[in-house]
Amino acid sequence: MKITIFGAGAIGGTVGAHLIRAGHDVLFCDADTAVVSAINSSGVTIEGPVENFTVPARAVLAAELPDELGIVAVAIKEHHTPSVAAFLRQRLAPEGFAVTLQNGIRHEVLSSAIGESRTVAALINFG
């Protein structure tokens, strides 16, 4: 099942790059057309204390996403959560679910839109 990552910043980009490198089918979604373009042309590069690597990746704007989304990782700034939750209410596949990669912040907003059984709150710690 394809994994869609909303937000291709530090958290979304790092998680997505590792998922791609592990062989998963990942599609990034970002609101910034420059970010989408950069990912499509250059992939995602991770530079850190442990290792550096680049993976080829695909990215789209929200309007370009498929009609049904399976696994969704939400790695956006907190103030965007209500609009993404409303979007996912319409686009999440019946068997789909979302993981909040926002250190558990605002997972209630997401779960009220798509249901508690389809929402996973997560904590992020790199290093």
N, C-alpha and C. Protein backbone atom coordinates (compact mmCIF):
# COMPACT_ATOMS: atom_id res chain seq x y z
N MET A 1 0.85 -1.18 0.00
CA MET A 1 0.00 0.00 0.00
C MET A 1 0.89 1.24 0.00
N LYS A 2 0.55 2.20 -0.82
CA LYS A 2 1.31 3.45 -0.91
C LYS A 2 1.21 4.23 0.41
N ILE A 3 2.31 4.84 0.78
CA ILE A 3 2.36 5.71 1.95
C ILE A 3 2.43 7.15 1.45
N THR A 4 1.48 7.96 1.86
CA THR A 4 1.48 9.38 1.51
C THR A 4 1.95 10.16 2.72
N ILE A 5 2.89 11.05 2.52
CA ILE A 5 3.39 11.87 3.62
C ILE A 5 3.02 13.32 3.36
N PHE A 6 2.14 13.85 4.24
CA PHE A 6 1.76 15.26 4.17
C PHE A 6 2.82 16.06 4.91
N GLY A 7 3.54 16.88 4.18
CA GLY A 7 4.60 17.69 4.76
C GLY A 7 5.95 17.08 4.48
N ALA A 8 6.75 17.73 3.66
CA ALA A 8 8.05 17.20 3.27
C ALA A 8 9.19 17.98 3.92
N GLY A 9 8.95 18.46 5.12
CA GLY A 9 9.99 19.19 5.85
C GLY A 9 10.92 18.23 6.57
N ALA A 10 11.47 18.67 7.69
CA ALA A 10 12.47 17.87 8.41
C ALA A 10 11.92 16.52 8.85
N ILE A 11 10.76 16.50 9.47
CA ILE A 11 10.20 15.24 9.96
C ILE A 11 9.70 14.38 8.80
N GLY A 12 8.83 14.93 7.98
CA GLY A 12 8.27 14.16 6.87
C GLY A 12 9.34 13.70 5.89
N GLY A 13 10.29 14.57 5.59
CA GLY A 13 11.35 14.22 4.67
C GLY A 13 12.24 13.11 5.20
N THR A 14 12.59 13.17 6.47
CA THR A 14 13.44 12.15 7.07
C THR A 14 12.74 10.80 7.14
N VAL A 15 11.51 10.80 7.64
CA VAL A 15 10.76 9.54 7.73
C VAL A 15 10.53 8.97 6.34
N GLY A 16 10.11 9.81 5.41
CA GLY A 16 9.84 9.35 4.05
C GLY A 16 11.07 8.80 3.36
N ALA A 17 12.21 9.47 3.51
CA ALA A 17 13.45 9.00 2.88
C ALA A 17 13.85 7.63 3.40
N HIS A 18 13.72 7.44 4.70
CA HIS A 18 14.05 6.13 5.27
C HIS A 18 13.07 5.06 4.79
N LEU A 19 11.79 5.40 4.67
CA LEU A 19 10.81 4.44 4.15
C LEU A 19 11.12 4.06 2.71
N ILE A 20 11.46 5.05 1.89
CA ILE A 20 11.82 4.78 0.49
C ILE A 20 13.05 3.87 0.44
N ARG A 21 14.04 4.20 1.23
CA ARG A 21 15.27 3.39 1.23
C ARG A 21 15.00 1.96 1.68
N ALA A 22 13.97 1.77 2.51
CA ALA A 22 13.60 0.42 2.96
C ALA A 22 12.72 -0.31 1.95
N GLY A 23 12.40 0.37 0.83
CA GLY A 23 11.65 -0.29 -0.23
C GLY A 23 10.17 0.02 -0.29
N HIS A 24 9.69 0.95 0.51
CA HIS A 24 8.28 1.30 0.51
C HIS A 24 7.94 2.29 -0.61
N ASP A 25 6.70 2.25 -1.04
CA ASP A 25 6.19 3.17 -2.07
C ASP A 25 5.68 4.42 -1.37
N VAL A 26 6.42 5.51 -1.49
CA VAL A 26 6.12 6.75 -0.76
C VAL A 26 5.83 7.87 -1.75
N LEU A 27 4.80 8.65 -1.44
CA LEU A 27 4.47 9.85 -2.20
C LEU A 27 4.41 11.02 -1.22
N PHE A 28 5.24 12.03 -1.45
CA PHE A 28 5.20 13.23 -0.61
C PHE A 28 4.14 14.18 -1.12
N CYS A 29 3.51 14.89 -0.20
CA CYS A 29 2.56 15.95 -0.53
C CYS A 29 2.97 17.19 0.26
N ASP A 30 3.16 18.29 -0.43
CA ASP A 30 3.55 19.52 0.24
C ASP A 30 2.81 20.68 -0.40
N ALA A 31 2.56 21.72 0.38
CA ALA A 31 1.84 22.90 -0.11
C ALA A 31 2.74 23.85 -0.88
N ASP A 32 4.05 23.69 -0.76
CA ASP A 32 5.01 24.58 -1.40
C ASP A 32 5.43 24.00 -2.75
N THR A 33 5.08 24.69 -3.83
CA THR A 33 5.41 24.18 -5.17
C THR A 33 6.92 24.06 -5.38
N ALA A 34 7.70 24.91 -4.75
CA ALA A 34 9.16 24.82 -4.88
C ALA A 34 9.68 23.53 -4.24
N VAL A 35 9.11 23.14 -3.11
CA VAL A 35 9.50 21.90 -2.45
C VAL A 35 9.12 20.71 -3.32
N VAL A 36 7.90 20.71 -3.85
CA VAL A 36 7.44 19.64 -4.73
C VAL A 36 8.36 19.51 -5.94
N SER A 37 8.68 20.61 -6.55
CA SER A 37 9.56 20.61 -7.72
C SER A 37 10.95 20.09 -7.38
N ALA A 38 11.50 20.53 -6.26
CA ALA A 38 12.84 20.10 -5.85
C ALA A 38 12.89 18.60 -5.59
N ILE A 39 11.88 18.07 -4.93
CA ILE A 39 11.84 16.63 -4.66
C ILE A 39 11.76 15.86 -5.96
N ASN A 40 10.89 16.31 -6.86
CA ASN A 40 10.74 15.60 -8.13
C ASN A 40 12.00 15.63 -8.99
N SER A 41 12.77 16.70 -8.88
CA SER A 41 13.97 16.79 -9.72
C SER A 41 15.22 16.22 -9.05
N SER A 42 15.30 16.31 -7.71
CA SER A 42 16.55 15.93 -7.03
C SER A 42 16.39 14.85 -5.97
N GLY A 43 15.16 14.43 -5.67
CA GLY A 43 14.95 13.46 -4.61
C GLY A 43 15.01 14.13 -3.24
N VAL A 44 15.20 13.30 -2.22
CA VAL A 44 15.30 13.79 -0.84
C VAL A 44 16.68 13.42 -0.31
N THR A 45 17.39 14.40 0.21
CA THR A 45 18.72 14.18 0.76
C THR A 45 18.67 14.30 2.27
N ILE A 46 19.24 13.32 2.95
CA ILE A 46 19.33 13.32 4.40
C ILE A 46 20.80 13.50 4.77
N GLU A 47 21.06 14.50 5.59
CA GLU A 47 22.41 14.76 6.08
C GLU A 47 22.33 14.80 7.60
N GLY A 48 23.06 13.92 8.25
CA GLY A 48 22.98 13.88 9.69
C GLY A 48 24.22 13.31 10.33
N PRO A 49 24.20 13.20 11.65
CA PRO A 49 25.38 12.74 12.37
C PRO A 49 25.70 11.26 12.14
N VAL A 50 24.71 10.49 11.71
CA VAL A 50 24.91 9.05 11.53
C VAL A 50 25.28 8.71 10.10
N GLU A 51 24.57 9.31 9.13
CA GLU A 51 24.82 9.00 7.73
C GLU A 51 24.24 10.08 6.83
N ASN A 52 24.68 10.07 5.59
CA ASN A 52 24.17 10.97 4.56
C ASN A 52 23.75 10.11 3.37
N PHE A 53 22.58 10.41 2.81
CA PHE A 53 22.13 9.67 1.64
C PHE A 53 21.06 10.46 0.90
N THR A 54 20.85 10.11 -0.35
CA THR A 54 19.80 10.71 -1.18
C THR A 54 18.98 9.58 -1.79
N VAL A 55 17.67 9.76 -1.79
CA VAL A 55 16.78 8.79 -2.44
C VAL A 55 15.96 9.51 -3.50
N PRO A 56 15.69 8.85 -4.63
CA PRO A 56 14.76 9.44 -5.59
C PRO A 56 13.37 9.41 -4.98
N ALA A 57 12.59 10.45 -5.22
CA ALA A 57 11.26 10.53 -4.61
C ALA A 57 10.30 11.28 -5.52
N ARG A 58 9.01 11.08 -5.23
CA ARG A 58 7.96 11.78 -5.97
C ARG A 58 7.19 12.66 -5.00
N ALA A 59 6.72 13.81 -5.48
CA ALA A 59 5.95 14.73 -4.65
C ALA A 59 4.88 15.40 -5.50
N VAL A 60 3.77 15.73 -4.84
CA VAL A 60 2.65 16.41 -5.50
C VAL A 60 2.06 17.44 -4.56
N LEU A 61 1.24 18.31 -5.13
CA LEU A 61 0.38 19.19 -4.34
C LEU A 61 -0.86 18.39 -3.95
N ALA A 62 -1.59 18.83 -2.93
CA ALA A 62 -2.76 18.09 -2.45
C ALA A 62 -3.79 17.85 -3.55
N ALA A 63 -3.99 18.81 -4.42
CA ALA A 63 -4.99 18.67 -5.50
C ALA A 63 -4.63 17.55 -6.47
N GLU A 64 -3.37 17.13 -6.48
CA GLU A 64 -2.91 16.08 -7.39
C GLU A 64 -2.89 14.69 -6.77
N LEU A 65 -3.31 14.58 -5.52
CA LEU A 65 -3.31 13.28 -4.84
C LEU A 65 -4.39 12.37 -5.40
N PRO A 66 -4.21 11.05 -5.28
CA PRO A 66 -5.26 10.12 -5.70
C PRO A 66 -6.54 10.34 -4.89
N ASP A 67 -7.65 9.84 -5.41
CA ASP A 67 -8.94 10.00 -4.73
C ASP A 67 -9.00 9.26 -3.40
N GLU A 68 -8.31 8.12 -3.30
CA GLU A 68 -8.31 7.36 -2.05
C GLU A 68 -6.87 7.15 -1.59
N LEU A 69 -6.64 7.45 -0.32
CA LEU A 69 -5.31 7.32 0.27
C LEU A 69 -5.31 6.20 1.29
N GLY A 70 -4.28 5.37 1.27
CA GLY A 70 -4.19 4.23 2.18
C GLY A 70 -3.55 4.61 3.50
N ILE A 71 -2.25 4.60 3.54
CA ILE A 71 -1.51 4.98 4.74
C ILE A 71 -1.05 6.42 4.56
N VAL A 72 -1.35 7.25 5.55
CA VAL A 72 -0.98 8.66 5.49
C VAL A 72 -0.19 9.02 6.74
N ALA A 73 0.96 9.64 6.55
CA ALA A 73 1.74 10.19 7.66
C ALA A 73 1.56 11.70 7.62
N VAL A 74 1.13 12.27 8.72
CA VAL A 74 0.86 13.70 8.80
C VAL A 74 2.03 14.36 9.53
N ALA A 75 2.85 15.09 8.79
CA ALA A 75 4.06 15.72 9.33
C ALA A 75 4.05 17.20 8.98
N ILE A 76 3.00 17.87 9.41
CA ILE A 76 2.78 19.28 9.08
C ILE A 76 2.84 20.13 10.33
N LYS A 77 2.90 21.41 10.15
CA LYS A 77 2.84 22.32 11.28
C LYS A 77 1.43 22.28 11.87
N GLU A 78 1.37 22.46 13.17
CA GLU A 78 0.12 22.30 13.93
C GLU A 78 -1.03 23.11 13.36
N HIS A 79 -0.79 24.33 12.92
CA HIS A 79 -1.90 25.18 12.47
C HIS A 79 -2.52 24.71 11.15
N HIS A 80 -1.88 23.78 10.44
CA HIS A 80 -2.45 23.22 9.21
C HIS A 80 -3.29 21.97 9.47
N THR A 81 -3.28 21.46 10.69
CA THR A 81 -3.94 20.20 11.00
C THR A 81 -5.43 20.21 10.69
N PRO A 82 -6.21 21.23 11.06
CA PRO A 82 -7.64 21.18 10.76
C PRO A 82 -7.95 21.04 9.27
N SER A 83 -7.23 21.74 8.42
CA SER A 83 -7.52 21.64 6.98
C SER A 83 -7.10 20.29 6.42
N VAL A 84 -6.00 19.74 6.88
CA VAL A 84 -5.58 18.40 6.42
C VAL A 84 -6.55 17.35 6.94
N ALA A 85 -7.02 17.50 8.17
CA ALA A 85 -8.00 16.55 8.72
C ALA A 85 -9.28 16.56 7.88
N ALA A 86 -9.75 17.72 7.50
CA ALA A 86 -10.95 17.82 6.66
C ALA A 86 -10.70 17.19 5.29
N PHE A 87 -9.52 17.39 4.74
CA PHE A 87 -9.15 16.79 3.45
C PHE A 87 -9.15 15.26 3.57
N LEU A 88 -8.55 14.74 4.63
CA LEU A 88 -8.47 13.29 4.80
C LEU A 88 -9.84 12.66 5.06
N ARG A 89 -10.74 13.40 5.68
CA ARG A 89 -12.10 12.89 5.88
C ARG A 89 -12.71 12.49 4.54
N GLN A 90 -12.40 13.24 3.49
CA GLN A 90 -12.94 12.97 2.16
C GLN A 90 -12.10 11.97 1.36
N ARG A 91 -10.82 11.85 1.63
CA ARG A 91 -9.91 11.11 0.75
C ARG A 91 -9.34 9.81 1.33
N LEU A 92 -9.49 9.57 2.63
CA LEU A 92 -8.92 8.37 3.21
C LEU A 92 -9.72 7.15 2.78
N ALA A 93 -9.05 6.14 2.25
CA ALA A 93 -9.70 4.91 1.81
C ALA A 93 -10.38 4.22 2.99
N PRO A 94 -11.40 3.40 2.74
CA PRO A 94 -12.10 2.72 3.84
C PRO A 94 -11.16 1.95 4.78
N GLU A 95 -10.11 1.33 4.23
CA GLU A 95 -9.16 0.59 5.06
C GLU A 95 -7.95 1.44 5.45
N GLY A 96 -7.96 2.72 5.08
CA GLY A 96 -6.82 3.60 5.33
C GLY A 96 -6.75 4.09 6.76
N PHE A 97 -5.56 4.59 7.11
CA PHE A 97 -5.37 5.19 8.43
C PHE A 97 -4.29 6.26 8.34
N ALA A 98 -4.21 7.08 9.37
CA ALA A 98 -3.24 8.17 9.40
C ALA A 98 -2.41 8.11 10.68
N VAL A 99 -1.14 8.39 10.53
CA VAL A 99 -0.21 8.46 11.66
C VAL A 99 0.20 9.92 11.80
N THR A 100 0.02 10.48 12.99
CA THR A 100 0.44 11.86 13.22
C THR A 100 1.90 11.87 13.64
N LEU A 101 2.72 12.55 12.88
CA LEU A 101 4.14 12.69 13.20
C LEU A 101 4.38 14.11 13.70
N GLN A 102 3.55 14.49 14.67
CA GLN A 102 3.60 15.84 15.22
C GLN A 102 3.81 15.77 16.73
N ASN A 103 4.51 14.73 17.17
CA ASN A 103 4.73 14.51 18.59
C ASN A 103 3.43 14.45 19.38
N GLY A 104 2.40 13.85 18.78
CA GLY A 104 1.13 13.66 19.44
C GLY A 104 0.27 14.90 19.53
N ILE A 105 0.81 16.03 19.13
CA ILE A 105 0.05 17.28 19.21
C ILE A 105 -1.02 17.29 18.14
N ARG A 106 -2.22 17.60 18.55
CA ARG A 106 -3.36 17.75 17.65
C ARG A 106 -3.87 16.45 17.05
N HIS A 107 -3.49 15.30 17.59
CA HIS A 107 -4.05 14.07 17.04
C HIS A 107 -5.55 13.99 17.27
N GLU A 108 -6.06 14.72 18.27
CA GLU A 108 -7.50 14.74 18.53
C GLU A 108 -8.25 15.37 17.36
N VAL A 109 -7.67 16.37 16.75
CA VAL A 109 -8.29 17.03 15.59
C VAL A 109 -8.41 16.03 14.45
N LEU A 110 -7.36 15.28 14.22
CA LEU A 110 -7.37 14.28 13.16
C LEU A 110 -8.35 13.15 13.48
N SER A 111 -8.31 12.64 14.70
CA SER A 111 -9.19 11.53 15.05
C SER A 111 -10.66 11.92 15.04
N SER A 112 -10.97 13.17 15.34
CA SER A 112 -12.38 13.59 15.27
C SER A 112 -12.86 13.65 13.83
N ALA A 113 -11.95 13.84 12.88
CA ALA A 113 -12.32 13.91 11.47
C ALA A 113 -12.39 12.54 10.82
N ILE A 114 -11.46 11.64 11.15
CA ILE A 114 -11.40 10.34 10.46
C ILE A 114 -11.71 9.15 11.35
N GLY A 115 -11.82 9.38 12.66
CA GLY A 115 -12.13 8.31 13.60
C GLY A 115 -10.91 7.88 14.40
N GLU A 116 -11.15 7.56 15.67
CA GLU A 116 -10.05 7.15 16.55
C GLU A 116 -9.38 5.88 16.09
N SER A 117 -10.16 4.94 15.55
CA SER A 117 -9.60 3.65 15.14
C SER A 117 -8.72 3.77 13.90
N ARG A 118 -8.77 4.93 13.24
CA ARG A 118 -7.96 5.13 12.03
C ARG A 118 -6.87 6.18 12.24
N THR A 119 -6.62 6.54 13.51
CA THR A 119 -5.63 7.55 13.84
C THR A 119 -4.60 6.97 14.80
N VAL A 120 -3.33 7.14 14.47
CA VAL A 120 -2.24 6.69 15.32
C VAL A 120 -1.42 7.92 15.70
N ALA A 121 -1.32 8.21 17.00
CA ALA A 121 -0.49 9.32 17.46
C ALA A 121 0.92 8.79 17.70
N ALA A 122 1.92 9.52 17.26
CA ALA A 122 3.31 9.06 17.39
C ALA A 122 4.18 10.16 17.96
N LEU A 123 5.28 9.76 18.57
CA LEU A 123 6.31 10.68 19.05
C LEU A 123 7.52 10.54 18.15
N ILE A 124 8.15 11.64 17.83
CA ILE A 124 9.31 11.64 16.93
C ILE A 124 10.55 12.03 17.72
N ASN A 125 11.62 11.27 17.53
CA ASN A 125 12.91 11.58 18.14
C ASN A 125 14.00 11.06 17.22
N PHE A 126 14.80 11.95 16.68
CA PHE A 126 15.91 11.56 15.81
C PHE A 126 17.21 11.75 16.56
N GLY A 127 18.17 10.90 16.27
CA GLY A 127 19.49 11.12 16.84
C GLY A 127 20.02 9.94 17.57
